[in-house]
């Protein structure tokens, strides 16, 4: 994605590269539940790079493969000092069952109610099916989006773009 800021489009449009927040944009803060009694707030991760992986739904084949890949290479993300968070509109209990069944070692956040509020703020909500798009954001230690990518819904975007974005963060931005 270009680092040139684009005008944020109306959230009634489907998630697309043109609607997603661009590099150089301040990442909207949020607080979402990772378990029934614990919430994760983005601003609590200031000082560390953050990877947000929006995905349509737990249990779908592509989402399952994508989250399994990220779980497998989680040590590489952490080598860059980055925290990974998966976000979908599924509820927290669904996330808990999915994470346990796949032995995931990063939080899955429930953008459940109001449905898709965070996905809308990042420009990746899909109103036609009520899900988040398959979108990735790398946020620097100061809360600025440094890279974003929207993948076709049926395509696992892999991790190369994430790793490249982490490599290009300024050395002072990577926690050592």
C-alpha atoms as a PDB file:
ATOM      1  CA  UNK A   1       0.000   0.000   0.000  1.00  0.00           C
ATOM      2  CA  UNK A   2       1.111   3.494  -0.640  1.00  0.00           C
ATOM      3  CA  UNK A   3       2.180   5.575   2.306  1.00  0.00           C
ATOM      4  CA  UNK A   4       0.194   8.458   0.854  1.00  0.00           C
ATOM      5  CA  UNK A   5      -2.824   9.111   3.037  1.00  0.00           C
ATOM      6  CA  UNK A   6      -6.175   8.535   1.358  1.00  0.00           C
ATOM      7  CA  UNK A   7      -9.493  10.003   2.286  1.00  0.00           C
ATOM      8  CA  UNK A   8     -11.358   7.557   4.509  1.00  0.00           C
ATOM      9  CA  UNK A   9     -14.365   6.266   2.612  1.00  0.00           C
ATOM     10  CA  UNK A  10     -17.859   5.660   3.884  1.00  0.00           C
ATOM     11  CA  UNK A  11     -18.097   2.534   6.057  1.00  0.00           C
ATOM     12  CA  UNK A  12     -21.042   1.237   4.031  1.00  0.00           C
ATOM     13  CA  UNK A  13     -18.574   0.159   1.330  1.00  0.00           C
ATOM     14  CA  UNK A  14     -17.045  -3.292   1.347  1.00  0.00           C
ATOM     15  CA  UNK A  15     -13.544  -3.701   2.725  1.00  0.00           C
ATOM     16  CA  UNK A  16     -11.096  -2.851  -0.031  1.00  0.00           C
ATOM     17  CA  UNK A  17      -7.593  -1.454  -0.338  1.00  0.00           C
ATOM     18  CA  UNK A  18      -9.145   1.965  -0.984  1.00  0.00           C
ATOM     19  CA  UNK A  19     -11.287   1.923   2.174  1.00  0.00           C
ATOM     20  CA  UNK A  20      -8.663   0.644   4.648  1.00  0.00           C
ATOM     21  CA  UNK A  21      -6.720   3.151   6.706  1.00  0.00           C
ATOM     22  CA  UNK A  22      -3.433   3.933   4.982  1.00  0.00           C
ATOM     23  CA  UNK A  23       0.140   4.099   6.201  1.00  0.00           C
ATOM     24  CA  UNK A  24       0.836   7.344   8.031  1.00  0.00           C
ATOM     25  CA  UNK A  25      -2.589   7.376   9.723  1.00  0.00           C
ATOM     26  CA  UNK A  26      -2.908   7.309  13.511  1.00  0.00           C
ATOM     27  CA  UNK A  27      -4.310   3.921  14.497  1.00  0.00           C
ATOM     28  CA  UNK A  28      -7.743   4.322  16.124  1.00  0.00           C
ATOM     29  CA  UNK A  29      -7.635   3.193  19.737  1.00  0.00           C
ATOM     30  CA  UNK A  30      -9.986   0.452  20.892  1.00  0.00           C
ATOM     31  CA  UNK A  31     -10.730  -1.858  23.762  1.00  0.00           C
ATOM     32  CA  UNK A  32     -12.032  -5.341  22.896  1.00  0.00           C
ATOM     33  CA  UNK A  33     -12.513  -8.510  24.925  1.00  0.00           C
ATOM     34  CA  UNK A  34     -10.008 -11.339  24.569  1.00  0.00           C
ATOM     35  CA  UNK A  35     -11.764 -13.443  27.211  1.00  0.00           C
ATOM     36  CA  UNK A  36     -15.148 -12.988  28.880  1.00  0.00           C
ATOM     37  CA  UNK A  37     -13.541 -10.999  31.703  1.00  0.00           C
ATOM     38  CA  UNK A  38     -10.466  -9.423  30.076  1.00  0.00           C
ATOM     39  CA  UNK A  39     -10.224  -6.609  27.559  1.00  0.00           C
ATOM     40  CA  UNK A  40      -7.243  -5.573  25.454  1.00  0.00           C
ATOM     41  CA  UNK A  41      -6.707  -1.877  24.757  1.00  0.00           C
ATOM     42  CA  UNK A  42      -4.481  -0.833  21.855  1.00  0.00           C
ATOM     43  CA  UNK A  43      -2.939   2.167  23.655  1.00  0.00           C
ATOM     44  CA  UNK A  44      -1.544  -0.223  26.297  1.00  0.00           C
ATOM     45  CA  UNK A  45       0.911  -1.444  23.642  1.00  0.00           C
ATOM     46  CA  UNK A  46       2.501   1.940  22.946  1.00  0.00           C
ATOM     47  CA  UNK A  47       6.245   1.501  22.826  1.00  0.00           C
ATOM     48  CA  UNK A  48       5.943  -1.755  20.846  1.00  0.00           C
ATOM     49  CA  UNK A  49       5.005  -2.502  17.250  1.00  0.00           C
ATOM     50  CA  UNK A  50       1.564  -4.089  16.908  1.00  0.00           C
ATOM     51  CA  UNK A  51       0.176  -6.318  14.179  1.00  0.00           C
ATOM     52  CA  UNK A  52      -3.602  -6.287  13.758  1.00  0.00           C
ATOM     53  CA  UNK A  53      -4.919  -9.209  11.700  1.00  0.00           C
ATOM     54  CA  UNK A  54      -8.599  -8.680  10.889  1.00  0.00           C
ATOM     55  CA  UNK A  55     -10.273 -11.824   9.576  1.00  0.00           C
ATOM     56  CA  UNK A  56     -13.849 -12.805   8.672  1.00  0.00           C
ATOM     57  CA  UNK A  57     -14.672 -15.709  10.996  1.00  0.00           C
ATOM     58  CA  UNK A  58     -13.329 -18.358  13.321  1.00  0.00           C
ATOM     59  CA  UNK A  59     -13.471 -21.910  11.953  1.00  0.00           C
ATOM     60  CA  UNK A  60     -13.471 -21.031   8.242  1.00  0.00           C
ATOM     61  CA  UNK A  61     -10.750 -22.863   6.281  1.00  0.00           C
ATOM     62  CA  UNK A  62      -8.800 -19.784   5.111  1.00  0.00           C
ATOM     63  CA  UNK A  63      -9.015 -18.082   8.513  1.00  0.00           C
ATOM     64  CA  UNK A  64      -7.913 -21.277  10.244  1.00  0.00           C
ATOM     65  CA  UNK A  65      -4.887 -21.545   7.944  1.00  0.00           C
ATOM     66  CA  UNK A  66      -4.025 -17.860   8.350  1.00  0.00           C
ATOM     67  CA  UNK A  67      -4.165 -17.912  12.157  1.00  0.00           C
ATOM     68  CA  UNK A  68      -2.189 -21.195  12.265  1.00  0.00           C
ATOM     69  CA  UNK A  69       0.532 -19.638  10.094  1.00  0.00           C
ATOM     70  CA  UNK A  70       0.782 -16.580  12.351  1.00  0.00           C
ATOM     71  CA  UNK A  71       0.921 -18.822  15.408  1.00  0.00           C
ATOM     72  CA  UNK A  72       3.761 -20.799  13.833  1.00  0.00           C
ATOM     73  CA  UNK A  73       5.836 -17.698  13.063  1.00  0.00           C
ATOM     74  CA  UNK A  74       4.912 -15.825  16.244  1.00  0.00           C
ATOM     75  CA  UNK A  75       8.545 -16.064  17.475  1.00  0.00           C
ATOM     76  CA  UNK A  76       9.645 -14.140  14.360  1.00  0.00           C
ATOM     77  CA  UNK A  77       7.100 -11.381  15.060  1.00  0.00           C
ATOM     78  CA  UNK A  78       8.286 -11.227  18.669  1.00  0.00           C
ATOM     79  CA  UNK A  79      11.918 -11.043  17.538  1.00  0.00           C
ATOM     80  CA  UNK A  80      10.907  -7.633  16.165  1.00  0.00           C
ATOM     81  CA  UNK A  81       9.284  -6.765  19.499  1.00  0.00           C
ATOM     82  CA  UNK A  82       5.829  -6.920  17.863  1.00  0.00           C
ATOM     83  CA  UNK A  83       2.569  -7.988  19.470  1.00  0.00           C
ATOM     84  CA  UNK A  84       0.019  -9.806  17.287  1.00  0.00           C
ATOM     85  CA  UNK A  85      -3.747  -9.586  17.736  1.00  0.00           C
ATOM     86  CA  UNK A  86      -6.424 -11.273  15.639  1.00  0.00           C
ATOM     87  CA  UNK A  87      -9.763  -9.434  15.333  1.00  0.00           C
ATOM     88  CA  UNK A  88     -13.093 -10.689  13.999  1.00  0.00           C
ATOM     89  CA  UNK A  89     -16.770 -10.052  14.681  1.00  0.00           C
ATOM     90  CA  UNK A  90     -17.156 -13.448  16.357  1.00  0.00           C
ATOM     91  CA  UNK A  91     -18.016 -13.497  20.056  1.00  0.00           C
ATOM     92  CA  UNK A  92     -15.510 -14.050  22.819  1.00  0.00           C
ATOM     93  CA  UNK A  93     -16.711 -17.616  23.568  1.00  0.00           C
ATOM     94  CA  UNK A  94     -16.282 -18.580  19.923  1.00  0.00           C
ATOM     95  CA  UNK A  95     -12.770 -17.089  20.000  1.00  0.00           C
ATOM     96  CA  UNK A  96     -11.913 -19.003  23.178  1.00  0.00           C
ATOM     97  CA  UNK A  97     -12.981 -22.330  21.640  1.00  0.00           C
ATOM     98  CA  UNK A  98     -11.219 -21.593  18.335  1.00  0.00           C
ATOM     99  CA  UNK A  99      -7.971 -20.484  20.030  1.00  0.00           C
ATOM    100  CA  UNK A 100      -7.957 -23.534  22.293  1.00  0.00           C
ATOM    101  CA  UNK A 101      -8.651 -25.966  19.445  1.00  0.00           C
ATOM    102  CA  UNK A 102      -5.826 -24.449  17.355  1.00  0.00           C
ATOM    103  CA  UNK A 103      -3.422 -23.914  20.319  1.00  0.00           C
ATOM    104  CA  UNK A 104      -3.066 -20.225  19.433  1.00  0.00           C
ATOM    105  CA  UNK A 105      -0.657 -18.197  21.564  1.00  0.00           C
ATOM    106  CA  UNK A 106      -1.877 -14.692  20.755  1.00  0.00           C
ATOM    107  CA  UNK A 107      -5.140 -12.950  21.610  1.00  0.00           C
ATOM    108  CA  UNK A 108      -8.222 -13.089  19.418  1.00  0.00           C
ATOM    109  CA  UNK A 109     -10.332  -9.997  20.031  1.00  0.00           C
ATOM    110  CA  UNK A 110     -14.124  -9.936  19.753  1.00  0.00           C
ATOM    111  CA  UNK A 111     -15.368  -7.002  17.658  1.00  0.00           C
ATOM    112  CA  UNK A 112     -18.825  -8.340  18.481  1.00  0.00           C
ATOM    113  CA  UNK A 113     -20.981  -5.596  19.966  1.00  0.00           C
ATOM    114  CA  UNK A 114     -21.493  -3.133  18.555  1.00  0.00           C
ATOM    115  CA  UNK A 115     -20.830  -5.514  15.696  1.00  0.00           C
ATOM    116  CA  UNK A 116     -17.782  -4.580  13.654  1.00  0.00           C
ATOM    117  CA  UNK A 117     -17.243  -1.175  15.279  1.00  0.00           C
ATOM    118  CA  UNK A 118     -13.444  -1.481  15.243  1.00  0.00           C
ATOM    119  CA  UNK A 119     -13.399  -2.985  11.727  1.00  0.00           C
ATOM    120  CA  UNK A 120     -15.484  -0.001  10.587  1.00  0.00           C
ATOM    121  CA  UNK A 121     -13.024   2.450  12.160  1.00  0.00           C
ATOM    122  CA  UNK A 122     -10.169   0.764  10.287  1.00  0.00           C
ATOM    123  CA  UNK A 123     -12.200   0.776   7.047  1.00  0.00           C
ATOM    124  CA  UNK A 124     -12.393  -3.008   6.708  1.00  0.00           C
ATOM    125  CA  UNK A 125     -15.972  -3.919   7.683  1.00  0.00           C
ATOM    126  CA  UNK A 126     -17.972  -5.899   5.100  1.00  0.00           C
ATOM    127  CA  UNK A 127     -21.648  -4.909   5.527  1.00  0.00           C
ATOM    128  CA  UNK A 128     -22.764  -7.271   2.766  1.00  0.00           C
ATOM    129  CA  UNK A 129     -21.968 -10.281   4.964  1.00  0.00           C
ATOM    130  CA  UNK A 130     -21.502  -8.687   8.394  1.00  0.00           C
ATOM    131  CA  UNK A 131     -17.841  -9.636   8.805  1.00  0.00           C
ATOM    132  CA  UNK A 132     -14.458  -7.986   8.949  1.00  0.00           C
ATOM    133  CA  UNK A 133     -12.428  -8.106   5.779  1.00  0.00           C
ATOM    134  CA  UNK A 134      -9.139  -9.981   5.652  1.00  0.00           C
ATOM    135  CA  UNK A 135      -6.872  -7.047   6.458  1.00  0.00           C
ATOM    136  CA  UNK A 136      -3.490  -6.505   8.065  1.00  0.00           C
ATOM    137  CA  UNK A 137      -2.086  -3.438   9.812  1.00  0.00           C
ATOM    138  CA  UNK A 138       1.406  -2.928  11.216  1.00  0.00           C
ATOM    139  CA  UNK A 139       1.426  -0.133  13.792  1.00  0.00           C
ATOM    140  CA  UNK A 140       4.632   1.426  15.097  1.00  0.00           C
ATOM    141  CA  UNK A 141       5.516   2.054  18.731  1.00  0.00           C
ATOM    142  CA  UNK A 142       3.940   5.531  18.574  1.00  0.00           C
ATOM    143  CA  UNK A 143       0.566   4.296  17.334  1.00  0.00           C
ATOM    144  CA  UNK A 144       0.974   5.165  13.639  1.00  0.00           C
ATOM    145  CA  UNK A 145      -0.025   2.692  10.928  1.00  0.00           C
ATOM    146  CA  UNK A 146       3.122   1.984   8.918  1.00  0.00           C
ATOM    147  CA  UNK A 147       1.683  -0.654   6.570  1.00  0.00           C
ATOM    148  CA  UNK A 148      -1.776  -1.934   5.702  1.00  0.00           C
ATOM    149  CA  UNK A 149      -3.045  -4.546   3.290  1.00  0.00           C
ATOM    150  CA  UNK A 150      -6.482  -5.868   2.367  1.00  0.00           C
ATOM    151  CA  UNK A 151      -6.468  -9.365   0.910  1.00  0.00           C
ATOM    152  CA  UNK A 152      -9.229 -10.903  -1.181  1.00  0.00           C
ATOM    153  CA  UNK A 153     -11.587 -12.633   1.257  1.00  0.00           C
ATOM    154  CA  UNK A 154     -10.707 -16.137   0.041  1.00  0.00           C
ATOM    155  CA  UNK A 155      -6.932 -15.636   0.007  1.00  0.00           C
ATOM    156  CA  UNK A 156      -4.568 -16.135   2.935  1.00  0.00           C
ATOM    157  CA  UNK A 157      -2.283 -13.063   2.770  1.00  0.00           C
ATOM    158  CA  UNK A 158       0.594 -14.896   4.419  1.00  0.00           C
ATOM    159  CA  UNK A 159       3.185 -13.113   6.509  1.00  0.00           C
ATOM    160  CA  UNK A 160       5.758 -11.733   4.056  1.00  0.00           C
ATOM    161  CA  UNK A 161       4.212  -8.243   4.018  1.00  0.00           C
ATOM    162  CA  UNK A 162       4.066  -8.125   7.809  1.00  0.00           C
ATOM    163  CA  UNK A 163       7.687  -9.209   8.159  1.00  0.00           C
ATOM    164  CA  UNK A 164       8.821  -6.715   5.524  1.00  0.00           C
ATOM    165  CA  UNK A 165       6.966  -3.894   7.307  1.00  0.00           C
ATOM    166  CA  UNK A 166       8.523  -4.864  10.653  1.00  0.00           C
ATOM    167  CA  UNK A 167      11.986  -4.914   9.031  1.00  0.00           C
ATOM    168  CA  UNK A 168      11.443  -1.363   7.768  1.00  0.00           C
ATOM    169  CA  UNK A 169      10.466   0.165  11.096  1.00  0.00           C
ATOM    170  CA  UNK A 170      13.075   2.558  12.377  1.00  0.00           C
ATOM    171  CA  UNK A 171      15.509   0.789  14.727  1.00  0.00           C
ATOM    172  CA  UNK A 172      14.370   3.000  17.601  1.00  0.00           C
ATOM    173  CA  UNK A 173      10.814   1.720  17.029  1.00  0.00           C
ATOM    174  CA  UNK A 174      11.707  -1.919  17.557  1.00  0.00           C
ATOM    175  CA  UNK A 175      11.828  -3.005  21.185  1.00  0.00           C
ATOM    176  CA  UNK A 176      15.004  -4.925  21.889  1.00  0.00           C
END
